PDB file of N, CA and C in Angstrom:
ATOM      1  N   UNK A   1     -98.282  17.787 -29.349  1.00  0.00           N
ATOM      2  CA  UNK A   1     -96.976  17.127 -29.273  1.00  0.00           C
ATOM      3  C   UNK A   1     -96.578  16.709 -27.823  1.00  0.00           C
ATOM      4  N   UNK A   2     -95.952  15.732 -27.776  1.00  0.00           N
ATOM      5  CA  UNK A   2     -95.548  15.337 -26.413  1.00  0.00           C
ATOM      6  C   UNK A   2     -94.228  16.363 -26.094  1.00  0.00           C
ATOM      7  N   UNK A   3     -94.116  16.287 -24.533  1.00  0.00           N
ATOM      8  CA  UNK A   3     -92.992  17.116 -24.088  1.00  0.00           C
ATOM      9  C   UNK A   3     -91.615  16.802 -24.629  1.00  0.00           C
ATOM     10  N   UNK A   4     -91.338  15.508 -24.769  1.00  0.00           N
ATOM     11  CA  UNK A   4     -89.978  15.073 -25.246  1.00  0.00           C
ATOM     12  C   UNK A   4     -89.779  15.582 -26.590  1.00  0.00           C
ATOM     13  N   UNK A   5     -90.631  15.684 -27.511  1.00  0.00           N
ATOM     14  CA  UNK A   5     -90.524  16.356 -28.956  1.00  0.00           C
ATOM     15  C   UNK A   5     -90.061  17.778 -28.715  1.00  0.00           C
ATOM     16  N   UNK A   6     -90.696  18.510 -27.831  1.00  0.00           N
ATOM     17  CA  UNK A   6     -90.334  19.925 -27.747  1.00  0.00           C
ATOM     18  C   UNK A   6     -88.968  20.175 -27.124  1.00  0.00           C
ATOM     19  N   UNK A   7     -88.436  19.224 -26.294  1.00  0.00           N
ATOM     20  CA  UNK A   7     -87.058  19.220 -25.821  1.00  0.00           C
ATOM     21  C   UNK A   7     -86.083  18.863 -26.942  1.00  0.00           C
ATOM     22  N   UNK A   8     -86.497  17.904 -27.635  1.00  0.00           N
ATOM     23  CA  UNK A   8     -85.789  17.483 -28.957  1.00  0.00           C
ATOM     24  C   UNK A   8     -85.475  18.734 -29.856  1.00  0.00           C
ATOM     25  N   UNK A   9     -86.600  19.401 -30.192  1.00  0.00           N
ATOM     26  CA  UNK A   9     -86.456  20.502 -31.106  1.00  0.00           C
ATOM     27  C   UNK A   9     -85.696  21.672 -30.567  1.00  0.00           C
ATOM     28  N   UNK A  10     -85.856  21.924 -29.187  1.00  0.00           N
ATOM     29  CA  UNK A  10     -85.005  23.021 -28.613  1.00  0.00           C
ATOM     30  C   UNK A  10     -83.557  22.625 -28.668  1.00  0.00           C
ATOM     31  N   UNK A  11     -83.280  21.377 -28.231  1.00  0.00           N
ATOM     32  CA  UNK A  11     -81.801  20.932 -28.430  1.00  0.00           C
ATOM     33  C   UNK A  11     -81.252  21.171 -29.797  1.00  0.00           C
ATOM     34  N   UNK A  12     -81.947  20.573 -30.690  1.00  0.00           N
ATOM     35  CA  UNK A  12     -81.563  20.649 -32.015  1.00  0.00           C
ATOM     36  C   UNK A  12     -81.300  22.223 -32.625  1.00  0.00           C
ATOM     37  N   UNK A  13     -82.197  23.181 -32.136  1.00  0.00           N
ATOM     38  CA  UNK A  13     -82.140  24.532 -32.394  1.00  0.00           C
ATOM     39  C   UNK A  13     -80.667  24.946 -31.733  1.00  0.00           C
ATOM     40  N   UNK A  14     -80.598  24.779 -30.393  1.00  0.00           N
ATOM     41  CA  UNK A  14     -79.366  25.160 -29.673  1.00  0.00           C
ATOM     42  C   UNK A  14     -78.060  24.592 -30.328  1.00  0.00           C
ATOM     43  N   UNK A  15     -78.070  23.310 -30.870  1.00  0.00           N
ATOM     44  CA  UNK A  15     -76.861  22.695 -31.463  1.00  0.00           C
ATOM     45  C   UNK A  15     -76.602  23.470 -32.774  1.00  0.00           C
ATOM     46  N   UNK A  16     -77.414  23.840 -33.447  1.00  0.00           N
ATOM     47  CA  UNK A  16     -77.486  24.393 -34.847  1.00  0.00           C
ATOM     48  C   UNK A  16     -76.858  25.852 -34.618  1.00  0.00           C
ATOM     49  N   UNK A  17     -77.445  26.531 -33.550  1.00  0.00           N
ATOM     50  CA  UNK A  17     -77.032  28.025 -33.286  1.00  0.00           C
ATOM     51  C   UNK A  17     -75.464  27.811 -32.647  1.00  0.00           C
ATOM     52  N   UNK A  18     -75.043  26.824 -32.050  1.00  0.00           N
ATOM     53  CA  UNK A  18     -73.789  26.999 -31.542  1.00  0.00           C
ATOM     54  C   UNK A  18     -72.710  26.501 -32.731  1.00  0.00           C
ATOM     55  N   UNK A  19     -73.211  25.657 -33.664  1.00  0.00           N
ATOM     56  CA  UNK A  19     -72.267  25.371 -34.751  1.00  0.00           C
ATOM     57  C   UNK A  19     -72.179  26.714 -35.566  1.00  0.00           C
ATOM     58  N   UNK A  20     -73.280  27.421 -35.817  1.00  0.00           N
ATOM     59  CA  UNK A  20     -73.063  28.651 -36.689  1.00  0.00           C
ATOM     60  C   UNK A  20     -72.199  29.639 -35.962  1.00  0.00           C
ATOM     61  N   UNK A  21     -72.251  29.759 -34.740  1.00  0.00           N
ATOM     62  CA  UNK A  21     -71.399  30.751 -33.970  1.00  0.00           C
ATOM     63  C   UNK A  21     -69.962  30.308 -34.012  1.00  0.00           C
ATOM     64  N   UNK A  22     -69.541  29.094 -33.990  1.00  0.00           N
ATOM     65  CA  UNK A  22     -68.309  28.576 -34.110  1.00  0.00           C
ATOM     66  C   UNK A  22     -67.697  28.872 -35.484  1.00  0.00           C
ATOM     67  N   UNK A  23     -68.474  28.740 -36.496  1.00  0.00           N
ATOM     68  CA  UNK A  23     -67.849  29.056 -37.804  1.00  0.00           C
ATOM     69  C   UNK A  23     -67.901  30.515 -38.199  1.00  0.00           C
ATOM     70  N   UNK A  24     -68.781  31.344 -37.664  1.00  0.00           N
ATOM     71  CA  UNK A  24     -68.834  32.716 -38.020  1.00  0.00           C
ATOM     72  C   UNK A  24     -67.922  33.368 -37.340  1.00  0.00           C
ATOM     73  N   UNK A  25     -67.476  33.158 -36.079  1.00  0.00           N
ATOM     74  CA  UNK A  25     -66.682  33.929 -35.220  1.00  0.00           C
ATOM     75  C   UNK A  25     -65.340  33.187 -35.070  1.00  0.00           C
ATOM     76  N   UNK A  26     -64.304  33.357 -36.231  1.00  0.00           N
ATOM     77  CA  UNK A  26     -63.140  32.479 -35.987  1.00  0.00           C
ATOM     78  C   UNK A  26     -62.127  32.971 -34.801  1.00  0.00           C
ATOM     79  N   UNK A  27     -62.082  34.225 -34.701  1.00  0.00           N
ATOM     80  CA  UNK A  27     -60.942  34.646 -33.585  1.00  0.00           C
ATOM     81  C   UNK A  27     -61.784  35.166 -32.329  1.00  0.00           C
ATOM     82  N   UNK A  28     -61.433  34.433 -31.210  1.00  0.00           N
ATOM     83  CA  UNK A  28     -62.105  34.954 -30.070  1.00  0.00           C
ATOM     84  C   UNK A  28     -61.190  35.630 -29.118  1.00  0.00           C
ATOM     85  N   UNK A  29     -59.849  35.444 -29.279  1.00  0.00           N
ATOM     86  CA  UNK A  29     -58.749  35.952 -28.533  1.00  0.00           C
ATOM     87  C   UNK A  29     -57.618  36.503 -29.207  1.00  0.00           C
ATOM     88  N   UNK A  30     -57.159  37.667 -29.160  1.00  0.00           N
ATOM     89  CA  UNK A  30     -56.050  38.220 -29.648  1.00  0.00           C
ATOM     90  C   UNK A  30     -54.983  38.583 -28.598  1.00  0.00           C
ATOM     91  N   UNK A  31     -53.876  38.002 -28.516  1.00  0.00           N
ATOM     92  CA  UNK A  31     -52.855  38.221 -27.461  1.00  0.00           C
ATOM     93  C   UNK A  31     -51.379  38.279 -28.174  1.00  0.00           C
ATOM     94  N   UNK A  32     -50.469  38.789 -27.244  1.00  0.00           N
ATOM     95  CA  UNK A  32     -49.158  38.915 -27.495  1.00  0.00           C
ATOM     96  C   UNK A  32     -48.546  37.801 -26.825  1.00  0.00           C
ATOM     97  N   UNK A  33     -47.782  37.063 -27.469  1.00  0.00           N
ATOM     98  CA  UNK A  33     -46.914  35.972 -26.971  1.00  0.00           C
ATOM     99  C   UNK A  33     -45.484  36.122 -27.182  1.00  0.00           C
ATOM    100  N   UNK A  34     -44.600  35.814 -26.160  1.00  0.00           N
ATOM    101  CA  UNK A  34     -43.222  36.088 -26.303  1.00  0.00           C
ATOM    102  C   UNK A  34     -42.572  35.242 -27.310  1.00  0.00           C
ATOM    103  N   UNK A  35     -42.951  33.863 -27.576  1.00  0.00           N
ATOM    104  CA  UNK A  35     -42.382  32.905 -28.392  1.00  0.00           C
ATOM    105  C   UNK A  35     -42.689  33.105 -29.772  1.00  0.00           C
ATOM    106  N   UNK A  36     -43.735  33.867 -30.127  1.00  0.00           N
ATOM    107  CA  UNK A  36     -44.020  34.064 -31.593  1.00  0.00           C
ATOM    108  C   UNK A  36     -43.548  35.517 -32.112  1.00  0.00           C
ATOM    109  N   UNK A  37     -43.228  36.448 -31.000  1.00  0.00           N
ATOM    110  CA  UNK A  37     -42.924  37.815 -31.361  1.00  0.00           C
ATOM    111  C   UNK A  37     -43.911  38.582 -32.142  1.00  0.00           C
ATOM    112  N   UNK A  38     -45.059  38.477 -31.767  1.00  0.00           N
ATOM    113  CA  UNK A  38     -46.319  39.128 -32.480  1.00  0.00           C
ATOM    114  C   UNK A  38     -47.668  38.763 -31.862  1.00  0.00           C
ATOM    115  N   UNK A  39     -48.717  39.125 -32.662  1.00  0.00           N
ATOM    116  CA  UNK A  39     -49.877  38.869 -32.281  1.00  0.00           C
ATOM    117  C   UNK A  39     -50.308  37.355 -32.541  1.00  0.00           C
ATOM    118  N   UNK A  40     -51.004  36.828 -31.824  1.00  0.00           N
ATOM    119  CA  UNK A  40     -51.577  35.504 -31.891  1.00  0.00           C
ATOM    120  C   UNK A  40     -53.177  35.503 -31.896  1.00  0.00           C
ATOM    121  N   UNK A  41     -53.651  35.111 -33.043  1.00  0.00           N
ATOM    122  CA  UNK A  41     -55.275  35.164 -32.905  1.00  0.00           C
ATOM    123  C   UNK A  41     -55.601  33.714 -32.698  1.00  0.00           C
ATOM    124  N   UNK A  42     -56.517  33.444 -31.547  1.00  0.00           N
ATOM    125  CA  UNK A  42     -56.916  32.221 -31.244  1.00  0.00           C
ATOM    126  C   UNK A  42     -58.460  32.102 -31.271  1.00  0.00           C
ATOM    127  N   UNK A  43     -58.971  31.044 -31.896  1.00  0.00           N
ATOM    128  CA  UNK A  43     -60.558  30.894 -31.917  1.00  0.00           C
ATOM    129  C   UNK A  43     -60.766  29.436 -31.684  1.00  0.00           C
ATOM    130  N   UNK A  44     -62.173  29.164 -31.851  1.00  0.00           N
ATOM    131  CA  UNK A  44     -62.465  27.879 -31.442  1.00  0.00           C
ATOM    132  C   UNK A  44     -61.940  26.708 -32.692  1.00  0.00           C
ATOM    133  N   UNK A  45     -61.765  27.267 -33.916  1.00  0.00           N
ATOM    134  CA  UNK A  45     -61.422  26.282 -34.979  1.00  0.00           C
ATOM    135  C   UNK A  45     -60.020  26.684 -35.545  1.00  0.00           C
ATOM    136  N   UNK A  46     -59.413  27.943 -35.190  1.00  0.00           N
ATOM    137  CA  UNK A  46     -58.288  28.248 -36.059  1.00  0.00           C
ATOM    138  C   UNK A  46     -57.345  28.954 -34.978  1.00  0.00           C
ATOM    139  N   UNK A  47     -56.007  28.734 -35.149  1.00  0.00           N
ATOM    140  CA  UNK A  47     -55.039  29.475 -34.429  1.00  0.00           C
ATOM    141  C   UNK A  47     -54.099  30.105 -35.471  1.00  0.00           C
ATOM    142  N   UNK A  48     -53.974  31.450 -35.470  1.00  0.00           N
ATOM    143  CA  UNK A  48     -53.202  32.045 -36.486  1.00  0.00           C
ATOM    144  C   UNK A  48     -51.881  32.732 -35.680  1.00  0.00           C
ATOM    145  N   UNK A  49     -50.710  32.319 -36.024  1.00  0.00           N
ATOM    146  CA  UNK A  49     -49.637  32.940 -35.454  1.00  0.00           C
ATOM    147  C   UNK A  49     -49.089  33.958 -36.586  1.00  0.00           C
ATOM    148  N   UNK A  50     -47.711  34.366 -36.336  1.00  0.00           N
ATOM    149  CA  UNK A  50     -47.232  35.549 -37.161  1.00  0.00           C
ATOM    150  C   UNK A  50     -47.213  35.249 -38.571  1.00  0.00           C
ATOM    151  N   UNK A  51     -46.831  34.035 -39.104  1.00  0.00           N
ATOM    152  CA  UNK A  51     -46.715  33.633 -40.322  1.00  0.00           C
ATOM    153  C   UNK A  51     -47.736  32.693 -40.979  1.00  0.00           C
ATOM    154  N   UNK A  52     -48.240  31.836 -39.970  1.00  0.00           N
ATOM    155  CA  UNK A  52     -49.277  30.805 -40.544  1.00  0.00           C
ATOM    156  C   UNK A  52     -50.559  30.659 -39.678  1.00  0.00           C
ATOM    157  N   UNK A  53     -51.500  30.101 -40.327  1.00  0.00           N
ATOM    158  CA  UNK A  53     -52.827  29.672 -39.596  1.00  0.00           C
ATOM    159  C   UNK A  53     -52.956  28.239 -39.538  1.00  0.00           C
ATOM    160  N   UNK A  54     -53.402  27.649 -38.467  1.00  0.00           N
ATOM    161  CA  UNK A  54     -53.694  26.327 -38.345  1.00  0.00           C
ATOM    162  C   UNK A  54     -55.111  26.090 -38.045  1.00  0.00           C
ATOM    163  N   UNK A  55     -55.677  25.199 -38.791  1.00  0.00           N
ATOM    164  CA  UNK A  55     -57.017  24.721 -38.460  1.00  0.00           C
ATOM    165  C   UNK A  55     -57.030  23.800 -37.433  1.00  0.00           C
ATOM    166  N   UNK A  56     -57.777  23.865 -36.446  1.00  0.00           N
ATOM    167  CA  UNK A  56     -57.670  22.949 -35.065  1.00  0.00           C
ATOM    168  C   UNK A  56     -57.979  21.505 -35.424  1.00  0.00           C
ATOM    169  N   UNK A  57     -58.592  21.214 -36.610  1.00  0.00           N
ATOM    170  CA  UNK A  57     -58.797  19.773 -37.012  1.00  0.00           C
ATOM    171  C   UNK A  57     -57.718  19.175 -37.849  1.00  0.00           C
ATOM    172  N   UNK A  58     -56.678  19.954 -38.127  1.00  0.00           N
ATOM    173  CA  UNK A  58     -55.545  19.244 -38.892  1.00  0.00           C
ATOM    174  C   UNK A  58     -54.880  18.333 -38.005  1.00  0.00           C
ATOM    175  N   UNK A  59     -54.452  17.253 -38.495  1.00  0.00           N
ATOM    176  CA  UNK A  59     -53.810  16.206 -37.583  1.00  0.00           C
ATOM    177  C   UNK A  59     -52.678  16.783 -36.893  1.00  0.00           C
ATOM    178  N   UNK A  60     -51.735  17.392 -37.589  1.00  0.00           N
ATOM    179  CA  UNK A  60     -50.378  17.660 -36.808  1.00  0.00           C
ATOM    180  C   UNK A  60     -50.629  18.715 -35.699  1.00  0.00           C
ATOM    181  N   UNK A  61     -51.669  19.506 -35.951  1.00  0.00           N
ATOM    182  CA  UNK A  61     -51.907  20.496 -34.924  1.00  0.00           C
ATOM    183  C   UNK A  61     -52.740  19.902 -33.747  1.00  0.00           C
ATOM    184  N   UNK A  62     -53.711  19.047 -33.986  1.00  0.00           N
ATOM    185  CA  UNK A  62     -54.329  18.435 -32.922  1.00  0.00           C
ATOM    186  C   UNK A  62     -53.322  17.482 -32.167  1.00  0.00           C
ATOM    187  N   UNK A  63     -52.447  16.909 -32.714  1.00  0.00           N
ATOM    188  CA  UNK A  63     -51.432  15.909 -32.093  1.00  0.00           C
ATOM    189  C   UNK A  63     -50.385  16.916 -31.156  1.00  0.00           C
ATOM    190  N   UNK A  64     -50.217  17.941 -31.790  1.00  0.00           N
ATOM    191  CA  UNK A  64     -49.184  18.812 -30.907  1.00  0.00           C
ATOM    192  C   UNK A  64     -49.902  19.469 -29.683  1.00  0.00           C
ATOM    193  N   UNK A  65     -51.300  19.795 -29.858  1.00  0.00           N
ATOM    194  CA  UNK A  65     -52.000  20.476 -28.808  1.00  0.00           C
ATOM    195  C   UNK A  65     -52.545  19.389 -27.813  1.00  0.00           C
ATOM    196  N   UNK A  66     -53.030  18.293 -28.378  1.00  0.00           N
ATOM    197  CA  UNK A  66     -53.583  17.175 -27.434  1.00  0.00           C
ATOM    198  C   UNK A  66     -52.851  15.839 -27.821  1.00  0.00           C
ATOM    199  N   UNK A  67     -51.534  15.726 -27.262  1.00  0.00           N
ATOM    200  CA  UNK A  67     -50.743  14.595 -27.562  1.00  0.00           C
ATOM    201  C   UNK A  67     -51.519  13.150 -27.271  1.00  0.00           C
ATOM    202  N   UNK A  68     -52.496  13.173 -26.407  1.00  0.00           N
ATOM    203  CA  UNK A  68     -52.990  11.753 -26.193  1.00  0.00           C
ATOM    204  C   UNK A  68     -54.288  11.471 -27.050  1.00  0.00           C
ATOM    205  N   UNK A  69     -54.608  12.306 -27.966  1.00  0.00           N
ATOM    206  CA  UNK A  69     -55.941  12.213 -28.594  1.00  0.00           C
ATOM    207  C   UNK A  69     -55.775  10.841 -29.672  1.00  0.00           C
ATOM    208  N   UNK A  70     -54.567  10.512 -30.126  1.00  0.00           N
ATOM    209  CA  UNK A  70     -54.446   9.420 -30.868  1.00  0.00           C
ATOM    210  C   UNK A  70     -54.853   8.198 -30.208  1.00  0.00           C
ATOM    211  N   UNK A  71     -54.314   8.141 -28.928  1.00  0.00           N
ATOM    212  CA  UNK A  71     -54.616   6.987 -28.224  1.00  0.00           C
ATOM    213  C   UNK A  71     -56.204   6.739 -27.958  1.00  0.00           C
ATOM    214  N   UNK A  72     -56.928   7.825 -27.866  1.00  0.00           N
ATOM    215  CA  UNK A  72     -58.316   7.669 -27.570  1.00  0.00           C
ATOM    216  C   UNK A  72     -59.012   7.150 -28.816  1.00  0.00           C
ATOM    217  N   UNK A  73     -58.658   7.802 -29.967  1.00  0.00           N
ATOM    218  CA  UNK A  73     -59.345   7.425 -31.193  1.00  0.00           C
ATOM    219  C   UNK A  73     -58.836   6.244 -31.726  1.00  0.00           C
TER     220      UNK A  73
END
């Protein structure tokens, strides 16, 4: 096999491992924030506040976190 094929296989394996880690470990940070008066769980794909959770790919959450994203897309 040529070298470039080995590089492609390694990159594919790393990408699949990264996707697996993102979905398996939802909360990476737990902190106290004054505006929510409670614990806030933050992860790569979800943010859970006192009463509700937001999936990061929901349009309203993405727009509030990244206001310029609509202009890019």
